[in-house]
Amino acid sequence: MGNFKKATKKQAKLRLALFGVSGSGKTYSALRLAKGLGGNIAVIDTENHTACKYSDRFDFDVCECEKASINNIVNLLNEASDYDVLIIDSLTHAWDELLDEVNRIAKTKFGGNSWSAWSEGTPKQRAFIKALLDFKGHLIVTMRSETTWEVQ
């Protein structure tokens, strides 16, 4: 019994990813959800001031992140530790950085074998995911899905 205690809803923190094509409403939806969760809201904006379009509808603090590298996002996650809800809009750039790094390693060290290159990329990926999961508040991230155009 010593290690166990009564579970309560306030212990549970949201971890949510919103996927969609550009212009599908990810930022707006994230802000609406954040407002519904309550508390103070912060946005890490990697999308060229997209979140600020909604500053007349929602109350939040913003950090304009010009270089959305994994290291910068992790540092900003730590800096945002006092916020109840954090939105990362968008996580796509940091993930693309990791994929580009693994592809570069595959080409230079493993003769194009990306499977082997992940042996060096996985620790960075795990550290990134751990930082996301360790955030003490609610976390909402947006990610772009690829748009494919077909001309017929």
C-alpha atoms as a PDB file:
ATOM      1  CA  MET A   1       0.000   0.000   0.000  1.00  0.00           C
ATOM      2  CA  GLY A   2       2.913   2.371   0.667  1.00  0.00           C
ATOM      3  CA  ASN A   3       3.607   3.179  -2.998  1.00  0.00           C
ATOM      4  CA  PHE A   4      -0.029   3.493  -4.029  1.00  0.00           C
ATOM      5  CA  LYS A   5      -2.469   6.359  -3.598  1.00  0.00           C
ATOM      6  CA  LYS A   6      -5.968   7.246  -4.737  1.00  0.00           C
ATOM      7  CA  ALA A   7      -6.029   8.250  -8.408  1.00  0.00           C
ATOM      8  CA  THR A   8      -7.558  11.625  -9.247  1.00  0.00           C
ATOM      9  CA  LYS A   9      -8.362  13.329 -12.540  1.00  0.00           C
ATOM     10  CA  LYS A  10      -6.104  16.277 -11.767  1.00  0.00           C
ATOM     11  CA  GLN A  11      -3.108  13.934 -12.022  1.00  0.00           C
ATOM     12  CA  ALA A  12      -3.865  13.165 -15.674  1.00  0.00           C
ATOM     13  CA  LYS A  13      -2.318  15.481 -18.244  1.00  0.00           C
ATOM     14  CA  LEU A  14      -3.358  15.603 -21.864  1.00  0.00           C
ATOM     15  CA  ARG A  15      -0.937  14.599 -24.593  1.00  0.00           C
ATOM     16  CA  LEU A  16      -2.545  15.394 -27.942  1.00  0.00           C
ATOM     17  CA  ALA A  17      -1.312  15.649 -31.519  1.00  0.00           C
ATOM     18  CA  LEU A  18      -3.424  17.333 -34.186  1.00  0.00           C
ATOM     19  CA  PHE A  19      -2.598  16.384 -37.778  1.00  0.00           C
ATOM     20  CA  GLY A  20      -3.825  18.145 -40.875  1.00  0.00           C
ATOM     21  CA  VAL A  21      -2.892  19.819 -44.108  1.00  0.00           C
ATOM     22  CA  SER A  22      -1.890  23.460 -44.139  1.00  0.00           C
ATOM     23  CA  GLY A  23      -4.927  25.652 -43.458  1.00  0.00           C
ATOM     24  CA  SER A  24      -7.062  22.882 -41.955  1.00  0.00           C
ATOM     25  CA  GLY A  25      -7.498  24.619 -38.582  1.00  0.00           C
ATOM     26  CA  LYS A  26      -4.901  22.917 -36.416  1.00  0.00           C
ATOM     27  CA  THR A  27      -3.783  26.092 -34.617  1.00  0.00           C
ATOM     28  CA  TYR A  28      -7.309  27.334 -33.964  1.00  0.00           C
ATOM     29  CA  SER A  29      -8.422  23.903 -32.768  1.00  0.00           C
ATOM     30  CA  ALA A  30      -5.413  23.625 -30.452  1.00  0.00           C
ATOM     31  CA  LEU A  31      -6.192  27.025 -28.929  1.00  0.00           C
ATOM     32  CA  ARG A  32      -9.873  26.126 -28.437  1.00  0.00           C
ATOM     33  CA  LEU A  33      -8.922  22.892 -26.729  1.00  0.00           C
ATOM     34  CA  ALA A  34      -6.357  24.697 -24.569  1.00  0.00           C
ATOM     35  CA  LYS A  35      -8.949  27.259 -23.493  1.00  0.00           C
ATOM     36  CA  GLY A  36     -11.317  24.441 -22.566  1.00  0.00           C
ATOM     37  CA  LEU A  37      -8.648  22.808 -20.421  1.00  0.00           C
ATOM     38  CA  GLY A  38      -8.237  26.064 -18.509  1.00  0.00           C
ATOM     39  CA  GLY A  39      -5.270  27.763 -16.922  1.00  0.00           C
ATOM     40  CA  ASN A  40      -2.505  29.798 -18.470  1.00  0.00           C
ATOM     41  CA  ILE A  41      -1.606  28.927 -22.064  1.00  0.00           C
ATOM     42  CA  ALA A  42       1.653  29.244 -23.972  1.00  0.00           C
ATOM     43  CA  VAL A  43       2.350  28.631 -27.641  1.00  0.00           C
ATOM     44  CA  ILE A  44       5.686  27.774 -29.203  1.00  0.00           C
ATOM     45  CA  ASP A  45       5.028  29.107 -32.704  1.00  0.00           C
ATOM     46  CA  THR A  46       7.271  27.717 -35.441  1.00  0.00           C
ATOM     47  CA  GLU A  47       4.815  28.686 -38.192  1.00  0.00           C
ATOM     48  CA  ASN A  48       5.755  32.321 -38.871  1.00  0.00           C
ATOM     49  CA  HIS A  49       3.413  34.029 -36.398  1.00  0.00           C
ATOM     50  CA  THR A  50       0.381  31.864 -37.221  1.00  0.00           C
ATOM     51  CA  ALA A  51      -0.851  31.661 -33.627  1.00  0.00           C
ATOM     52  CA  CYS A  52      -0.934  35.454 -33.244  1.00  0.00           C
ATOM     53  CA  LYS A  53      -3.771  35.595 -35.795  1.00  0.00           C
ATOM     54  CA  TYR A  54      -5.973  34.360 -32.943  1.00  0.00           C
ATOM     55  CA  SER A  55      -4.755  36.706 -30.199  1.00  0.00           C
ATOM     56  CA  ASP A  56      -8.047  38.596 -30.339  1.00  0.00           C
ATOM     57  CA  ARG A  57      -9.993  35.392 -29.577  1.00  0.00           C
ATOM     58  CA  PHE A  58      -7.764  33.629 -27.056  1.00  0.00           C
ATOM     59  CA  ASP A  59      -5.558  34.728 -24.161  1.00  0.00           C
ATOM     60  CA  PHE A  60      -2.091  33.166 -24.438  1.00  0.00           C
ATOM     61  CA  ASP A  61       1.620  33.895 -24.364  1.00  0.00           C
ATOM     62  CA  VAL A  62       3.686  33.143 -27.435  1.00  0.00           C
ATOM     63  CA  CYS A  63       7.300  32.389 -28.222  1.00  0.00           C
ATOM     64  CA  GLU A  64       8.191  32.879 -31.872  1.00  0.00           C
ATOM     65  CA  CYS A  65      10.635  30.069 -32.561  1.00  0.00           C
ATOM     66  CA  GLU A  66      12.579  30.927 -35.704  1.00  0.00           C
ATOM     67  CA  LYS A  67      14.710  27.765 -35.647  1.00  0.00           C
ATOM     68  CA  ALA A  68      12.512  24.867 -34.597  1.00  0.00           C
ATOM     69  CA  SER A  69      15.302  22.387 -33.909  1.00  0.00           C
ATOM     70  CA  ILE A  70      14.818  19.585 -31.439  1.00  0.00           C
ATOM     71  CA  ASN A  71      17.281  21.234 -29.033  1.00  0.00           C
ATOM     72  CA  ASN A  72      15.435  24.569 -29.205  1.00  0.00           C
ATOM     73  CA  ILE A  73      12.050  22.909 -28.665  1.00  0.00           C
ATOM     74  CA  VAL A  74      13.383  20.961 -25.671  1.00  0.00           C
ATOM     75  CA  ASN A  75      14.835  24.172 -24.170  1.00  0.00           C
ATOM     76  CA  LEU A  76      11.504  25.960 -24.688  1.00  0.00           C
ATOM     77  CA  LEU A  77       9.609  23.054 -23.099  1.00  0.00           C
ATOM     78  CA  ASN A  78      11.732  23.555 -19.992  1.00  0.00           C
ATOM     79  CA  GLU A  79      11.218  27.329 -20.106  1.00  0.00           C
ATOM     80  CA  ALA A  80       7.428  26.837 -20.334  1.00  0.00           C
ATOM     81  CA  SER A  81       7.255  24.628 -17.245  1.00  0.00           C
ATOM     82  CA  ASP A  82       5.005  27.070 -15.345  1.00  0.00           C
ATOM     83  CA  TYR A  83       2.223  27.004 -17.951  1.00  0.00           C
ATOM     84  CA  ASP A  84      -0.838  24.825 -17.490  1.00  0.00           C
ATOM     85  CA  VAL A  85      -1.190  24.204 -21.230  1.00  0.00           C
ATOM     86  CA  LEU A  86       1.534  24.308 -23.876  1.00  0.00           C
ATOM     87  CA  ILE A  87       0.897  24.215 -27.599  1.00  0.00           C
ATOM     88  CA  ILE A  88       3.728  23.474 -30.006  1.00  0.00           C
ATOM     89  CA  ASP A  89       2.618  24.725 -33.406  1.00  0.00           C
ATOM     90  CA  SER A  90       4.131  22.897 -35.275  1.00  0.00           C
ATOM     91  CA  LEU A  91       6.274  19.938 -34.310  1.00  0.00           C
ATOM     92  CA  THR A  92       6.799  19.109 -37.993  1.00  0.00           C
ATOM     93  CA  HIS A  93       9.982  21.159 -38.359  1.00  0.00           C
ATOM     94  CA  ALA A  94      11.784  19.462 -35.461  1.00  0.00           C
ATOM     95  CA  TRP A  95      10.751  16.022 -36.681  1.00  0.00           C
ATOM     96  CA  ASP A  96      11.940  16.882 -40.206  1.00  0.00           C
ATOM     97  CA  GLU A  97      15.289  17.920 -38.712  1.00  0.00           C
ATOM     98  CA  LEU A  98      15.647  14.462 -37.145  1.00  0.00           C
ATOM     99  CA  LEU A  99      14.721  12.702 -40.385  1.00  0.00           C
ATOM    100  CA  ASP A 100      17.189  14.863 -42.348  1.00  0.00           C
ATOM    101  CA  GLU A 101      19.922  14.086 -39.826  1.00  0.00           C
ATOM    102  CA  VAL A 102      19.292  10.336 -40.065  1.00  0.00           C
ATOM    103  CA  ASN A 103      19.314  10.533 -43.878  1.00  0.00           C
ATOM    104  CA  ARG A 104      22.606  12.452 -43.794  1.00  0.00           C
ATOM    105  CA  ILE A 105      24.134   9.869 -41.435  1.00  0.00           C
ATOM    106  CA  ALA A 106      22.844   7.057 -43.664  1.00  0.00           C
ATOM    107  CA  LYS A 107      24.533   8.567 -46.716  1.00  0.00           C
ATOM    108  CA  THR A 108      27.847   9.458 -45.085  1.00  0.00           C
ATOM    109  CA  LYS A 109      28.414   6.537 -42.694  1.00  0.00           C
ATOM    110  CA  PHE A 110      26.194   3.642 -43.724  1.00  0.00           C
ATOM    111  CA  GLY A 111      26.181   3.631 -47.526  1.00  0.00           C
ATOM    112  CA  GLY A 112      22.582   4.875 -47.676  1.00  0.00           C
ATOM    113  CA  ASN A 113      21.248   2.350 -45.146  1.00  0.00           C
ATOM    114  CA  SER A 114      18.805   4.401 -43.078  1.00  0.00           C
ATOM    115  CA  TRP A 115      18.014   1.421 -40.828  1.00  0.00           C
ATOM    116  CA  SER A 116      21.603   1.433 -39.573  1.00  0.00           C
ATOM    117  CA  ALA A 117      21.632   5.239 -39.336  1.00  0.00           C
ATOM    118  CA  TRP A 118      18.765   5.145 -36.841  1.00  0.00           C
ATOM    119  CA  SER A 119      21.235   3.602 -34.389  1.00  0.00           C
ATOM    120  CA  GLU A 120      22.573   7.150 -34.058  1.00  0.00           C
ATOM    121  CA  GLY A 121      19.242   8.934 -34.522  1.00  0.00           C
ATOM    122  CA  THR A 122      17.255   6.929 -31.980  1.00  0.00           C
ATOM    123  CA  PRO A 123      18.894   8.382 -28.840  1.00  0.00           C
ATOM    124  CA  LYS A 124      18.010  11.913 -30.001  1.00  0.00           C
ATOM    125  CA  GLN A 125      14.470  10.773 -30.858  1.00  0.00           C
ATOM    126  CA  ARG A 126      14.041   9.158 -27.434  1.00  0.00           C
ATOM    127  CA  ALA A 127      15.333  12.239 -25.628  1.00  0.00           C
ATOM    128  CA  PHE A 128      12.915  14.403 -27.627  1.00  0.00           C
ATOM    129  CA  ILE A 129       9.925  12.191 -26.838  1.00  0.00           C
ATOM    130  CA  LYS A 130      10.945  12.040 -23.164  1.00  0.00           C
ATOM    131  CA  ALA A 131      11.049  15.846 -23.000  1.00  0.00           C
ATOM    132  CA  LEU A 132       7.554  16.013 -24.524  1.00  0.00           C
ATOM    133  CA  LEU A 133       6.165  13.417 -22.125  1.00  0.00           C
ATOM    134  CA  ASP A 134       7.886  14.979 -19.093  1.00  0.00           C
ATOM    135  CA  PHE A 135       6.174  18.360 -19.556  1.00  0.00           C
ATOM    136  CA  LYS A 136       4.194  18.869 -16.353  1.00  0.00           C
ATOM    137  CA  GLY A 137       1.140  20.521 -17.908  1.00  0.00           C
ATOM    138  CA  HIS A 138      -1.169  19.611 -20.756  1.00  0.00           C
ATOM    139  CA  LEU A 139       0.611  19.387 -24.115  1.00  0.00           C
ATOM    140  CA  ILE A 140      -0.961  19.888 -27.528  1.00  0.00           C
ATOM    141  CA  VAL A 141       1.188  19.638 -30.648  1.00  0.00           C
ATOM    142  CA  THR A 142       0.253  20.235 -34.249  1.00  0.00           C
ATOM    143  CA  MET A 143       1.811  18.474 -37.213  1.00  0.00           C
ATOM    144  CA  ARG A 144       1.345  18.904 -40.900  1.00  0.00           C
ATOM    145  CA  SER A 145       0.236  15.996 -42.998  1.00  0.00           C
ATOM    146  CA  GLU A 146       1.594  15.858 -46.489  1.00  0.00           C
ATOM    147  CA  THR A 147      -0.504  17.288 -49.289  1.00  0.00           C
ATOM    148  CA  THR A 148      -0.336  15.443 -52.561  1.00  0.00           C
ATOM    149  CA  TRP A 149      -1.731  16.998 -55.716  1.00  0.00           C
ATOM    150  CA  GLU A 150      -2.729  14.888 -58.647  1.00  0.00           C
ATOM    151  CA  VAL A 151      -3.478  16.492 -61.989  1.00  0.00           C
ATOM    152  CA  GLN A 152      -5.774  14.543 -64.274  1.00  0.00           C
END
